[in-house]
Amino acid sequence: MMVTVLYENETDFTPDFSEEEIAKLVCEAVLKEEKFTYPSEVNISVTDNEGIRQVNAEFRKIDKATDVLSFPAYDFENPGKYENLSKEPGFEMNINPDTGNFVLGDILLSYERILSQAEEYGHSVKREFAFLIAHSMLHLLGYDHMSEEEAGVMEAKQEKILNEIGIVRI
């Protein structure tokens, strides 16, 4: 499964792991788990609390910092069912003409929240970084957590994906 991760870090966030390698590993694991077989791309940016607050205020009208924001480029009507995606209206509009990749969307992370939540939950910064990317990738693929049932589905998928790639709570 091919995924191109366009990664940008606008901050002083310098963890003890390769952010780009972990981001790509997690994105590939999510797409594999979801059986999303189209060559794809995702943009991932790391900012600070102020940067994510501004974006949250502008796009969601919520004037506060958050840990991650997901901006899907495509509206999946049936998360988890992608086998006939190329026949759906609008599919071709989501193909990057320069790469031929299906554009999934954008992920924006707050490095300050990554650090504070890793400490709060008692696990590594790498685990929190990977968790937020897995969570956001599921949003880009059409999943949500507006109901308890939806939240349970997402939580189970996130745990399974991270366990399979060996990024576990420690």
N, C-alpha and C. Protein backbone atom coordinates (compact mmCIF):
# COMPACT_ATOMS: atom_id res chain seq x y z
N MET A 1 0.84 -1.17 0.00
CA MET A 1 0.00 0.00 0.00
C MET A 1 0.88 1.22 0.00
N MET A 2 0.57 2.09 -0.92
CA MET A 2 1.41 3.26 -1.04
C MET A 2 0.73 4.49 -0.49
N VAL A 3 1.43 5.15 0.42
CA VAL A 3 0.93 6.43 0.92
C VAL A 3 2.11 7.40 0.95
N THR A 4 1.85 8.58 0.46
CA THR A 4 2.82 9.65 0.53
C THR A 4 2.41 10.56 1.67
N VAL A 5 3.32 10.75 2.61
CA VAL A 5 3.04 11.63 3.75
C VAL A 5 3.87 12.90 3.54
N LEU A 6 3.17 14.00 3.40
CA LEU A 6 3.82 15.30 3.27
C LEU A 6 3.85 15.89 4.68
N TYR A 7 5.02 15.89 5.28
CA TYR A 7 5.15 16.23 6.70
C TYR A 7 5.85 17.57 6.87
N GLU A 8 5.28 18.40 7.74
CA GLU A 8 5.88 19.70 8.04
C GLU A 8 5.81 19.95 9.54
N ASN A 9 6.92 20.35 10.11
CA ASN A 9 6.99 20.70 11.53
C ASN A 9 7.36 22.18 11.63
N GLU A 10 6.41 22.99 12.11
CA GLU A 10 6.60 24.44 12.20
C GLU A 10 7.12 24.86 13.57
N THR A 11 7.59 23.90 14.37
CA THR A 11 7.89 24.18 15.77
C THR A 11 9.29 23.71 16.15
N ASP A 12 9.56 23.82 17.45
CA ASP A 12 10.81 23.30 18.01
C ASP A 12 10.67 21.85 18.48
N PHE A 13 9.57 21.20 18.16
CA PHE A 13 9.30 19.83 18.56
C PHE A 13 10.36 18.91 17.94
N THR A 14 11.20 18.35 18.79
CA THR A 14 12.26 17.45 18.34
C THR A 14 12.30 16.21 19.23
N PRO A 15 11.36 15.30 19.01
CA PRO A 15 11.32 14.09 19.84
C PRO A 15 12.49 13.16 19.53
N ASP A 16 12.58 12.10 20.32
CA ASP A 16 13.68 11.14 20.16
C ASP A 16 13.34 10.03 19.17
N PHE A 17 12.51 10.33 18.19
CA PHE A 17 12.17 9.39 17.13
C PHE A 17 11.98 10.20 15.85
N SER A 18 12.02 9.53 14.72
CA SER A 18 11.80 10.20 13.45
C SER A 18 10.30 10.41 13.26
N GLU A 19 9.88 11.64 13.33
CA GLU A 19 8.45 11.96 13.18
C GLU A 19 7.93 11.48 11.83
N GLU A 20 8.70 11.72 10.78
CA GLU A 20 8.25 11.35 9.44
C GLU A 20 8.13 9.83 9.30
N GLU A 21 9.07 9.08 9.86
CA GLU A 21 9.00 7.62 9.77
C GLU A 21 7.79 7.08 10.53
N ILE A 22 7.56 7.61 11.73
CA ILE A 22 6.42 7.13 12.52
C ILE A 22 5.11 7.54 11.85
N ALA A 23 5.04 8.76 11.34
CA ALA A 23 3.82 9.22 10.66
C ALA A 23 3.50 8.29 9.48
N LYS A 24 4.50 7.98 8.67
CA LYS A 24 4.29 7.10 7.52
C LYS A 24 3.90 5.69 7.96
N LEU A 25 4.58 5.17 8.97
CA LEU A 25 4.26 3.84 9.49
C LEU A 25 2.81 3.77 9.95
N VAL A 26 2.36 4.76 10.69
CA VAL A 26 0.99 4.77 11.20
C VAL A 26 -0.01 4.91 10.05
N CYS A 27 0.25 5.83 9.13
CA CYS A 27 -0.66 6.01 7.99
C CYS A 27 -0.79 4.72 7.19
N GLU A 28 0.34 4.07 6.92
CA GLU A 28 0.30 2.79 6.19
C GLU A 28 -0.47 1.73 6.95
N ALA A 29 -0.29 1.67 8.26
CA ALA A 29 -0.98 0.67 9.08
C ALA A 29 -2.49 0.90 9.07
N VAL A 30 -2.90 2.16 9.14
CA VAL A 30 -4.33 2.47 9.10
C VAL A 30 -4.92 2.06 7.75
N LEU A 31 -4.24 2.43 6.67
CA LEU A 31 -4.75 2.10 5.34
C LEU A 31 -4.80 0.58 5.12
N LYS A 32 -3.79 -0.13 5.63
CA LYS A 32 -3.77 -1.59 5.52
C LYS A 32 -4.95 -2.19 6.31
N GLU A 33 -5.12 -1.75 7.54
CA GLU A 33 -6.22 -2.25 8.38
C GLU A 33 -7.58 -1.99 7.72
N GLU A 34 -7.70 -0.85 7.08
CA GLU A 34 -8.97 -0.46 6.46
C GLU A 34 -9.14 -1.03 5.05
N LYS A 35 -8.10 -1.72 4.56
CA LYS A 35 -8.13 -2.27 3.20
C LYS A 35 -8.38 -1.17 2.17
N PHE A 36 -7.73 -0.03 2.41
CA PHE A 36 -7.78 1.09 1.46
C PHE A 36 -6.59 0.92 0.53
N THR A 37 -6.86 0.49 -0.70
CA THR A 37 -5.78 0.05 -1.58
C THR A 37 -5.34 1.08 -2.61
N TYR A 38 -5.95 2.24 -2.60
CA TYR A 38 -5.60 3.26 -3.58
C TYR A 38 -4.32 3.99 -3.15
N PRO A 39 -3.39 4.22 -4.08
CA PRO A 39 -2.24 5.05 -3.73
C PRO A 39 -2.78 6.40 -3.24
N SER A 40 -2.27 6.86 -2.11
CA SER A 40 -2.88 8.04 -1.51
C SER A 40 -1.83 8.96 -0.91
N GLU A 41 -2.30 10.12 -0.49
CA GLU A 41 -1.42 11.07 0.18
C GLU A 41 -2.18 11.81 1.26
N VAL A 42 -1.41 12.22 2.25
CA VAL A 42 -1.95 12.97 3.39
C VAL A 42 -0.92 14.03 3.78
N ASN A 43 -1.41 15.18 4.17
CA ASN A 43 -0.57 16.26 4.67
C ASN A 43 -0.65 16.27 6.18
N ILE A 44 0.50 16.23 6.85
CA ILE A 44 0.54 16.28 8.31
C ILE A 44 1.43 17.45 8.71
N SER A 45 0.89 18.33 9.55
CA SER A 45 1.65 19.48 10.04
C SER A 45 1.60 19.50 11.56
N VAL A 46 2.72 19.90 12.15
CA VAL A 46 2.80 20.07 13.60
C VAL A 46 2.93 21.57 13.87
N THR A 47 2.11 22.04 14.77
CA THR A 47 2.13 23.44 15.18
C THR A 47 2.11 23.49 16.70
N ASP A 48 1.90 24.69 17.26
CA ASP A 48 1.80 24.84 18.71
C ASP A 48 0.34 25.09 19.09
N ASN A 49 0.09 25.27 20.38
CA ASN A 49 -1.28 25.48 20.84
C ASN A 49 -1.92 26.71 20.21
N GLU A 50 -1.15 27.78 20.06
CA GLU A 50 -1.70 28.99 19.47
C GLU A 50 -2.05 28.78 18.00
N GLY A 51 -1.19 28.09 17.28
CA GLY A 51 -1.47 27.83 15.88
C GLY A 51 -2.71 26.98 15.68
N ILE A 52 -2.86 25.93 16.48
CA ILE A 52 -4.03 25.06 16.33
C ILE A 52 -5.29 25.77 16.84
N ARG A 53 -5.14 26.63 17.84
CA ARG A 53 -6.29 27.41 18.32
C ARG A 53 -6.82 28.31 17.21
N GLN A 54 -5.92 28.96 16.50
CA GLN A 54 -6.34 29.86 15.41
C GLN A 54 -7.08 29.09 14.31
N VAL A 55 -6.56 27.94 13.94
CA VAL A 55 -7.20 27.13 12.90
C VAL A 55 -8.55 26.61 13.41
N ASN A 56 -8.60 26.18 14.65
CA ASN A 56 -9.84 25.69 15.25
C ASN A 56 -10.90 26.79 15.27
N ALA A 57 -10.49 28.01 15.62
CA ALA A 57 -11.42 29.15 15.65
C ALA A 57 -11.92 29.47 14.25
N GLU A 58 -11.02 29.46 13.29
CA GLU A 58 -11.40 29.82 11.92
C GLU A 58 -12.32 28.79 11.28
N PHE A 59 -11.97 27.52 11.40
CA PHE A 59 -12.70 26.49 10.66
C PHE A 59 -13.81 25.81 11.44
N ARG A 60 -13.71 25.78 12.76
CA ARG A 60 -14.74 25.10 13.56
C ARG A 60 -15.48 26.05 14.49
N LYS A 61 -15.06 27.30 14.50
CA LYS A 61 -15.67 28.33 15.36
C LYS A 61 -15.57 27.96 16.84
N ILE A 62 -14.48 27.25 17.18
CA ILE A 62 -14.18 26.88 18.57
C ILE A 62 -12.86 27.54 18.91
N ASP A 63 -12.92 28.57 19.74
CA ASP A 63 -11.73 29.39 20.01
C ASP A 63 -10.94 28.83 21.18
N LYS A 64 -10.37 27.62 20.97
CA LYS A 64 -9.49 27.02 21.97
C LYS A 64 -8.57 26.02 21.29
N ALA A 65 -7.46 25.77 21.95
CA ALA A 65 -6.50 24.79 21.43
C ALA A 65 -7.08 23.39 21.59
N THR A 66 -6.65 22.50 20.71
CA THR A 66 -7.03 21.10 20.78
C THR A 66 -5.80 20.28 20.41
N ASP A 67 -5.89 18.97 20.51
CA ASP A 67 -4.72 18.15 20.22
C ASP A 67 -4.50 17.89 18.73
N VAL A 68 -5.59 17.67 18.01
CA VAL A 68 -5.48 17.34 16.59
C VAL A 68 -6.73 17.81 15.86
N LEU A 69 -6.52 18.26 14.65
CA LEU A 69 -7.63 18.60 13.76
C LEU A 69 -7.47 17.79 12.47
N SER A 70 -8.59 17.31 11.97
CA SER A 70 -8.60 16.52 10.74
C SER A 70 -9.45 17.24 9.70
N PHE A 71 -8.91 17.35 8.51
CA PHE A 71 -9.62 18.00 7.42
C PHE A 71 -9.69 17.03 6.24
N PRO A 72 -10.76 16.20 6.21
CA PRO A 72 -10.91 15.24 5.11
C PRO A 72 -11.09 15.96 3.78
N ALA A 73 -10.47 15.42 2.76
CA ALA A 73 -10.61 15.97 1.42
C ALA A 73 -11.76 15.32 0.66
N TYR A 74 -12.28 14.22 1.20
CA TYR A 74 -13.34 13.47 0.53
C TYR A 74 -14.37 13.06 1.58
N ASP A 75 -15.63 13.09 1.21
CA ASP A 75 -16.70 12.73 2.14
C ASP A 75 -17.08 11.26 1.91
N PHE A 76 -16.49 10.38 2.74
CA PHE A 76 -16.80 8.96 2.64
C PHE A 76 -18.15 8.69 3.28
N GLU A 77 -19.07 8.14 2.49
CA GLU A 77 -20.39 7.85 3.02
C GLU A 77 -20.43 6.56 3.82
N ASN A 78 -19.54 5.62 3.47
CA ASN A 78 -19.52 4.31 4.13
C ASN A 78 -18.12 3.98 4.59
N PRO A 79 -17.72 4.50 5.77
CA PRO A 79 -16.37 4.19 6.26
C PRO A 79 -16.14 2.68 6.30
N GLY A 80 -14.96 2.28 5.86
CA GLY A 80 -14.60 0.86 5.87
C GLY A 80 -14.97 0.13 4.59
N LYS A 81 -15.72 0.79 3.72
CA LYS A 81 -16.14 0.15 2.46
C LYS A 81 -15.61 0.99 1.30
N TYR A 82 -14.41 0.61 0.83
CA TYR A 82 -13.73 1.41 -0.18
C TYR A 82 -13.53 0.68 -1.50
N GLU A 83 -14.01 -0.57 -1.60
CA GLU A 83 -13.70 -1.37 -2.78
C GLU A 83 -14.24 -0.77 -4.08
N ASN A 84 -15.34 -0.03 -4.04
CA ASN A 84 -15.90 0.57 -5.26
C ASN A 84 -15.72 2.09 -5.29
N LEU A 85 -14.80 2.57 -4.50
CA LEU A 85 -14.59 4.02 -4.39
C LEU A 85 -14.30 4.67 -5.73
N SER A 86 -13.52 4.00 -6.57
CA SER A 86 -13.14 4.61 -7.85
C SER A 86 -14.33 4.81 -8.78
N LYS A 87 -15.46 4.18 -8.48
CA LYS A 87 -16.67 4.33 -9.31
C LYS A 87 -17.61 5.40 -8.76
N GLU A 88 -17.29 5.93 -7.57
CA GLU A 88 -18.17 6.92 -6.95
C GLU A 88 -17.97 8.29 -7.59
N PRO A 89 -19.07 9.07 -7.65
CA PRO A 89 -18.94 10.42 -8.19
C PRO A 89 -17.97 11.24 -7.33
N GLY A 90 -17.13 11.99 -7.98
CA GLY A 90 -16.19 12.83 -7.25
C GLY A 90 -14.85 12.19 -7.00
N PHE A 91 -14.73 10.89 -7.23
CA PHE A 91 -13.46 10.21 -6.98
C PHE A 91 -12.34 10.86 -7.75
N GLU A 92 -12.55 11.04 -9.04
CA GLU A 92 -11.51 11.60 -9.91
C GLU A 92 -11.10 13.00 -9.47
N MET A 93 -12.03 13.75 -8.88
CA MET A 93 -11.72 15.11 -8.42
C MET A 93 -10.74 15.10 -7.26
N ASN A 94 -10.61 13.95 -6.60
CA ASN A 94 -9.72 13.84 -5.45
C ASN A 94 -8.36 13.25 -5.81
N ILE A 95 -8.10 13.08 -7.07
CA ILE A 95 -6.81 12.56 -7.51
C ILE A 95 -5.88 13.75 -7.78
N ASN A 96 -4.72 13.72 -7.15
CA ASN A 96 -3.72 14.75 -7.38
C ASN A 96 -3.17 14.53 -8.80
N PRO A 97 -3.36 15.51 -9.70
CA PRO A 97 -2.92 15.31 -11.08
C PRO A 97 -1.40 15.15 -11.23
N ASP A 98 -0.64 15.67 -10.27
CA ASP A 98 0.81 15.56 -10.34
C ASP A 98 1.34 14.20 -9.93
N THR A 99 0.61 13.53 -9.01
CA THR A 99 1.11 12.27 -8.46
C THR A 99 0.23 11.06 -8.80
N GLY A 100 -1.03 11.30 -9.14
CA GLY A 100 -1.97 10.20 -9.35
C GLY A 100 -2.50 9.63 -8.05
N ASN A 101 -2.12 10.23 -6.92
CA ASN A 101 -2.56 9.74 -5.60
C ASN A 101 -3.93 10.29 -5.23
N PHE A 102 -4.68 9.48 -4.49
CA PHE A 102 -5.95 9.93 -3.91
C PHE A 102 -5.62 10.80 -2.70
N VAL A 103 -6.11 12.01 -2.68
CA VAL A 103 -5.83 12.94 -1.59
C VAL A 103 -6.80 12.68 -0.44
N LEU A 104 -6.26 12.25 0.70
CA LEU A 104 -7.09 11.97 1.87
C LEU A 104 -7.43 13.23 2.65
N GLY A 105 -6.47 14.14 2.79
CA GLY A 105 -6.73 15.37 3.52
C GLY A 105 -5.56 15.81 4.36
N ASP A 106 -5.86 16.63 5.35
CA ASP A 106 -4.85 17.26 6.19
C ASP A 106 -5.05 16.92 7.65
N ILE A 107 -3.92 16.79 8.34
CA ILE A 107 -3.90 16.55 9.79
C ILE A 107 -3.04 17.65 10.40
N LEU A 108 -3.57 18.30 11.44
CA LEU A 108 -2.82 19.33 12.15
C LEU A 108 -2.72 18.92 13.61
N LEU A 109 -1.48 18.84 14.12
CA LEU A 109 -1.22 18.40 15.49
C LEU A 109 -0.61 19.53 16.30
N SER A 110 -0.96 19.59 17.58
CA SER A 110 -0.31 20.52 18.51
C SER A 110 0.77 19.76 19.28
N TYR A 111 2.02 20.16 19.09
CA TYR A 111 3.10 19.46 19.79
C TYR A 111 2.99 19.66 21.30
N GLU A 112 2.48 20.81 21.74
CA GLU A 112 2.34 21.03 23.19
C GLU A 112 1.32 20.07 23.79
N ARG A 113 0.25 19.79 23.05
CA ARG A 113 -0.74 18.82 23.53
C ARG A 113 -0.20 17.40 23.45
N ILE A 114 0.61 17.10 22.45
CA ILE A 114 1.24 15.77 22.38
C ILE A 114 2.06 15.53 23.64
N LEU A 115 2.87 16.52 24.01
CA LEU A 115 3.72 16.38 25.20
C LEU A 115 2.90 16.28 26.48
N SER A 116 1.91 17.16 26.64
CA SER A 116 1.13 17.16 27.89
C SER A 116 0.26 15.92 28.01
N GLN A 117 -0.31 15.46 26.91
CA GLN A 117 -1.17 14.27 26.97
C GLN A 117 -0.36 13.00 27.17
N ALA A 118 0.84 12.95 26.62
CA ALA A 118 1.70 11.79 26.88
C ALA A 118 1.97 11.69 28.37
N GLU A 119 2.27 12.82 28.98
CA GLU A 119 2.52 12.83 30.42
C GLU A 119 1.24 12.49 31.20
N GLU A 120 0.13 13.11 30.81
CA GLU A 120 -1.14 12.89 31.50
C GLU A 120 -1.58 11.43 31.44
N TYR A 121 -1.41 10.78 30.28
CA TYR A 121 -1.84 9.39 30.12
C TYR A 121 -0.77 8.38 30.50
N GLY A 122 0.42 8.87 30.83
CA GLY A 122 1.47 7.99 31.30
C GLY A 122 2.09 7.10 30.23
N HIS A 123 2.15 7.62 29.02
CA HIS A 123 2.83 6.85 27.97
C HIS A 123 3.81 7.75 27.23
N SER A 124 4.50 7.20 26.26
CA SER A 124 5.56 7.93 25.57
C SER A 124 5.02 8.98 24.62
N VAL A 125 5.86 9.94 24.32
CA VAL A 125 5.53 10.97 23.33
C VAL A 125 5.28 10.30 21.97
N LYS A 126 6.08 9.30 21.66
CA LYS A 126 5.91 8.55 20.40
C LYS A 126 4.53 7.92 20.33
N ARG A 127 4.09 7.33 21.43
CA ARG A 127 2.75 6.70 21.47
C ARG A 127 1.66 7.73 21.26
N GLU A 128 1.78 8.89 21.90
CA GLU A 128 0.75 9.93 21.75
C GLU A 128 0.74 10.47 20.32
N PHE A 129 1.91 10.71 19.77
CA PHE A 129 2.04 11.19 18.39
C PHE A 129 1.37 10.19 17.43
N ALA A 130 1.71 8.92 17.58
CA ALA A 130 1.16 7.87 16.72
C ALA A 130 -0.35 7.73 16.91
N PHE A 131 -0.80 7.79 18.17
CA PHE A 131 -2.23 7.67 18.46
C PHE A 131 -3.02 8.78 17.76
N LEU A 132 -2.54 10.01 17.86
CA LEU A 132 -3.27 11.13 17.27
C LEU A 132 -3.31 11.03 15.75
N ILE A 133 -2.24 10.52 15.16
CA ILE A 133 -2.25 10.34 13.70
C ILE A 133 -3.22 9.22 13.31
N ALA A 134 -3.21 8.11 14.04
CA ALA A 134 -4.15 7.02 13.75
C ALA A 134 -5.58 7.52 13.88
N HIS A 135 -5.85 8.25 14.95
CA HIS A 135 -7.19 8.81 15.19
C HIS A 135 -7.61 9.70 14.02
N SER A 136 -6.72 10.58 13.64
CA SER A 136 -7.03 11.52 12.57
C SER A 136 -7.17 10.83 11.22
N MET A 137 -6.34 9.83 10.96
CA MET A 137 -6.46 9.08 9.70
C MET A 137 -7.83 8.42 9.59
N LEU A 138 -8.34 7.90 10.70
CA LEU A 138 -9.68 7.31 10.67
C LEU A 138 -10.73 8.36 10.35
N HIS A 139 -10.55 9.57 10.87
CA HIS A 139 -11.46 10.67 10.49
C HIS A 139 -11.36 10.95 8.99
N LEU A 140 -10.15 10.98 8.45
CA LEU A 140 -9.99 11.24 7.02
C LEU A 140 -10.66 10.16 6.17
N LEU A 141 -10.78 8.96 6.72
CA LEU A 141 -11.41 7.84 6.02
C LEU A 141 -12.91 7.73 6.31
N GLY A 142 -13.47 8.74 6.98
CA GLY A 142 -14.92 8.80 7.16
C GLY A 142 -15.46 8.41 8.51
N TYR A 143 -14.61 7.99 9.43
CA TYR A 143 -15.08 7.61 10.76
C TYR A 143 -15.29 8.84 11.63
N ASP A 144 -16.18 8.71 12.60
CA ASP A 144 -16.42 9.79 13.55
C ASP A 144 -16.72 9.17 14.91
N HIS A 145 -16.87 10.02 15.91
CA HIS A 145 -17.15 9.52 17.25
C HIS A 145 -18.23 10.38 17.91
N MET A 146 -19.28 10.65 17.14
CA MET A 146 -20.38 11.46 17.66
C MET A 146 -21.28 10.66 18.59
N SER A 147 -21.32 9.36 18.44
CA SER A 147 -22.10 8.51 19.34
C SER A 147 -21.16 7.58 20.08
N GLU A 148 -21.66 6.97 21.16
CA GLU A 148 -20.85 6.01 21.92
C GLU A 148 -20.43 4.84 21.04
N GLU A 149 -21.34 4.39 20.19
CA GLU A 149 -21.04 3.26 19.31
C GLU A 149 -19.91 3.62 18.33
N GLU A 150 -20.00 4.80 17.71
CA GLU A 150 -18.95 5.24 16.79
C GLU A 150 -17.62 5.40 17.52
N ALA A 151 -17.66 5.96 18.71
CA ALA A 151 -16.44 6.14 19.50
C ALA A 151 -15.80 4.79 19.81
N GLY A 152 -16.62 3.81 20.15
CA GLY A 152 -16.12 2.47 20.45
C GLY A 152 -15.44 1.84 19.25
N VAL A 153 -16.02 2.03 18.07
CA VAL A 153 -15.43 1.49 16.83
C VAL A 153 -14.07 2.14 16.60
N MET A 154 -14.00 3.46 16.70
CA MET A 154 -12.73 4.15 16.48
C MET A 154 -11.68 3.74 17.50
N GLU A 155 -12.06 3.67 18.77
CA GLU A 155 -11.11 3.31 19.82
C GLU A 155 -10.54 1.91 19.58
N ALA A 156 -11.40 0.97 19.22
CA ALA A 156 -10.94 -0.40 18.98
C ALA A 156 -9.98 -0.44 17.79
N LYS A 157 -10.30 0.28 16.73
CA LYS A 157 -9.44 0.31 15.55
C LYS A 157 -8.08 0.93 15.88
N GLN A 158 -8.09 2.04 16.61
CA GLN A 158 -6.85 2.72 16.98
C GLN A 158 -5.95 1.79 17.78
N GLU A 159 -6.50 1.15 18.79
CA GLU A 159 -5.71 0.24 19.62
C GLU A 159 -5.14 -0.91 18.81
N LYS A 160 -5.97 -1.51 17.96
CA LYS A 160 -5.53 -2.64 17.15
C LYS A 160 -4.38 -2.22 16.24
N ILE A 161 -4.53 -1.09 15.56
CA ILE A 161 -3.50 -0.62 14.63
C ILE A 161 -2.19 -0.35 15.36
N LEU A 162 -2.26 0.37 16.47
CA LEU A 162 -1.03 0.70 17.20
C LEU A 162 -0.38 -0.54 17.80
N ASN A 163 -1.19 -1.48 18.28
CA ASN A 163 -0.63 -2.73 18.80
C ASN A 163 0.07 -3.51 17.69
N GLU A 164 -0.53 -3.55 16.51
CA GLU A 164 0.06 -4.30 15.40
C GLU A 164 1.41 -3.75 14.97
N ILE A 165 1.63 -2.44 15.11
CA ILE A 165 2.93 -1.87 14.72
C ILE A 165 3.85 -1.70 15.93
N GLY A 166 3.40 -2.19 17.08
CA GLY A 166 4.26 -2.22 18.26
C GLY A 166 4.42 -0.90 18.98
N ILE A 167 3.48 0.02 18.78
CA ILE A 167 3.53 1.29 19.51
C ILE A 167 2.43 1.22 20.57
N VAL A 168 2.82 0.69 21.72
CA VAL A 168 1.85 0.38 22.77
C VAL A 168 2.06 1.30 23.98
N ARG A 169 1.06 1.29 24.82
CA ARG A 169 1.17 2.07 26.08
C ARG A 169 2.19 1.41 26.98
N ILE A 170 3.11 2.21 27.49
CA ILE A 170 4.10 1.67 28.43
C ILE A 170 4.26 2.57 29.63
